[in-house]
Amino acid sequence: MGLIAMSERDLQRIEILSKVIAGRMTMVSAAHVLDLSTRQVRRLLERINTGGAASIRHKAIGRPSNNQISDGVRDYAVTLVGERYADFGPTLAAEKLAERDGLRVSRETL
C-alpha cells in the first residue's frame, strides 16, 4: 500500500474519530469539535470501520472537474484573445468572443 496524501482537516477528523472509537470521546462532543451533525459522525465512523482511515478522504480528489472545458477549446479561446483582444480585460474579452466569434468561455478561463 502506497502513501496517501491527506489534508489537515482529514487528519483532524481521523484523530477525533479514533478517540470516539477508543471510547475517550463521545459522539456528540466529536460532532461539536468537527462542526458536524451526530448523524454525519456516525457515517464517518462506518466508513472508517469498513474502509480504514483512507476512506475519510474526499472521493473526487484527483479527478477532473465535471464543468471543465476541453483543452482544445481553451487553447483556441486564449489564442483568439491574444490575437484580437489582447488589450481587453477578461470579462470584456469573454463577451466579445461570444458576440463576434460564437465561442462561449468564462472569464475565469481567460
Protein backbone atom coordinates (compact mmCIF):
# COMPACT_ATOMS: atom_id res chain seq x y z
CA MET A 1 0.00 0.00 0.00
CA GLY A 2 1.38 3.42 -1.00
CA LEU A 3 1.33 6.78 0.65
CA ILE A 4 -1.97 8.64 0.81
CA ALA A 5 -1.94 12.44 0.81
CA MET A 6 -4.44 13.94 3.23
CA SER A 7 -5.38 17.43 4.20
CA GLU A 8 -5.14 18.79 7.74
CA ARG A 9 -8.92 18.57 8.02
CA ASP A 10 -8.87 14.87 7.15
CA LEU A 11 -6.09 14.18 9.65
CA GLN A 12 -8.01 16.02 12.39
CA ARG A 13 -11.13 14.01 11.56
CA ILE A 14 -9.21 10.74 11.83
CA GLU A 15 -7.72 11.78 15.17
CA ILE A 16 -11.10 12.76 16.65
CA LEU A 17 -12.86 9.69 15.26
CA SER A 18 -10.17 7.39 16.63
CA LYS A 19 -10.84 8.90 20.07
CA VAL A 20 -14.53 8.07 19.63
CA ILE A 21 -13.68 4.51 18.61
CA ALA A 22 -11.39 4.14 21.64
CA GLY A 23 -14.13 5.45 23.93
CA ARG A 24 -12.22 8.53 25.06
CA MET A 25 -14.70 10.92 23.44
CA THR A 26 -18.44 10.85 22.91
CA MET A 27 -20.04 11.08 19.51
CA VAL A 28 -21.80 14.31 20.49
CA SER A 29 -18.59 16.03 21.54
CA ALA A 30 -16.85 14.80 18.38
CA ALA A 31 -19.67 16.25 16.31
CA HIS A 32 -19.27 19.56 18.12
CA VAL A 33 -15.47 19.63 17.61
CA LEU A 34 -15.71 18.68 13.94
CA ASP A 35 -18.69 21.01 13.39
CA LEU A 36 -20.79 18.17 12.00
CA SER A 37 -24.05 16.54 12.96
CA THR A 38 -24.02 13.36 15.01
CA ARG A 39 -25.51 11.56 12.02
CA GLN A 40 -22.53 12.59 9.87
CA VAL A 41 -20.11 11.47 12.57
CA ARG A 42 -21.88 8.11 12.64
CA ARG A 43 -21.49 7.84 8.85
CA LEU A 44 -17.78 8.70 9.06
CA LEU A 45 -17.30 6.05 11.74
CA GLU A 46 -18.95 3.47 9.49
CA ARG A 47 -16.64 4.48 6.63
CA ILE A 48 -13.58 4.08 8.86
CA ASN A 49 -14.75 0.67 10.06
CA THR A 50 -15.34 -0.63 6.53
CA GLY A 51 -12.60 1.10 4.53
CA GLY A 52 -10.00 2.23 7.04
CA ALA A 53 -8.62 5.70 7.60
CA ALA A 54 -8.03 6.25 3.86
CA SER A 55 -11.79 6.27 3.27
CA ILE A 56 -12.07 9.65 5.03
CA ARG A 57 -10.50 11.42 2.03
CA HIS A 58 -12.86 13.10 -0.41
CA LYS A 59 -13.70 10.75 -3.27
CA ALA A 60 -13.24 13.34 -6.02
CA ILE A 61 -9.59 14.12 -5.24
CA GLY A 62 -7.50 13.74 -8.36
CA ARG A 63 -10.44 13.68 -10.76
CA PRO A 64 -11.05 16.44 -13.32
CA SER A 65 -13.94 18.81 -12.81
CA ASN A 66 -17.30 17.98 -14.39
CA ASN A 67 -17.51 21.54 -15.74
CA GLN A 68 -14.06 21.52 -17.32
CA ILE A 69 -13.88 22.57 -20.97
CA SER A 70 -11.65 20.68 -23.36
CA ASP A 71 -8.02 21.71 -23.78
CA GLY A 72 -8.50 22.47 -27.48
CA VAL A 73 -11.36 24.91 -26.91
CA ARG A 74 -9.48 26.63 -24.10
CA ASP A 75 -6.30 26.97 -26.17
CA TYR A 76 -8.27 28.27 -29.15
CA ALA A 77 -10.02 30.88 -26.98
CA VAL A 78 -6.77 32.05 -25.41
CA THR A 79 -5.16 32.27 -28.87
CA LEU A 80 -8.05 34.36 -30.20
CA VAL A 81 -7.88 36.68 -27.23
CA GLY A 82 -4.15 37.09 -27.69
CA GLU A 83 -4.54 37.94 -31.38
CA ARG A 84 -7.71 40.04 -31.46
CA TYR A 85 -8.50 41.20 -27.93
CA ALA A 86 -5.09 41.50 -26.29
CA ASP A 87 -5.83 44.87 -24.68
CA PHE A 88 -9.23 43.75 -23.28
CA GLY A 89 -9.87 42.59 -19.75
CA PRO A 90 -11.06 39.01 -19.23
CA THR A 91 -14.75 39.92 -18.86
CA LEU A 92 -14.91 42.05 -22.00
CA ALA A 93 -12.82 39.52 -23.93
CA ALA A 94 -15.25 36.74 -22.98
CA GLU A 95 -18.19 38.91 -24.08
CA LYS A 96 -16.53 39.70 -27.42
CA LEU A 97 -15.65 36.05 -28.02
CA ALA A 98 -19.31 35.13 -27.52
CA GLU A 99 -20.62 38.04 -29.57
CA ARG A 100 -18.25 38.03 -32.54
CA ASP A 101 -16.81 34.53 -32.66
CA GLY A 102 -19.65 32.45 -31.18
CA LEU A 103 -17.29 30.94 -28.60
CA ARG A 104 -18.66 30.85 -25.07
CA VAL A 105 -15.98 30.61 -22.38
CA SER A 106 -15.98 32.01 -18.87
CA ARG A 107 -13.88 34.97 -17.90
CA GLU A 108 -12.01 32.70 -15.46
CA THR A 109 -10.79 30.64 -18.41
CA LEU A 110 -9.28 33.73 -19.97
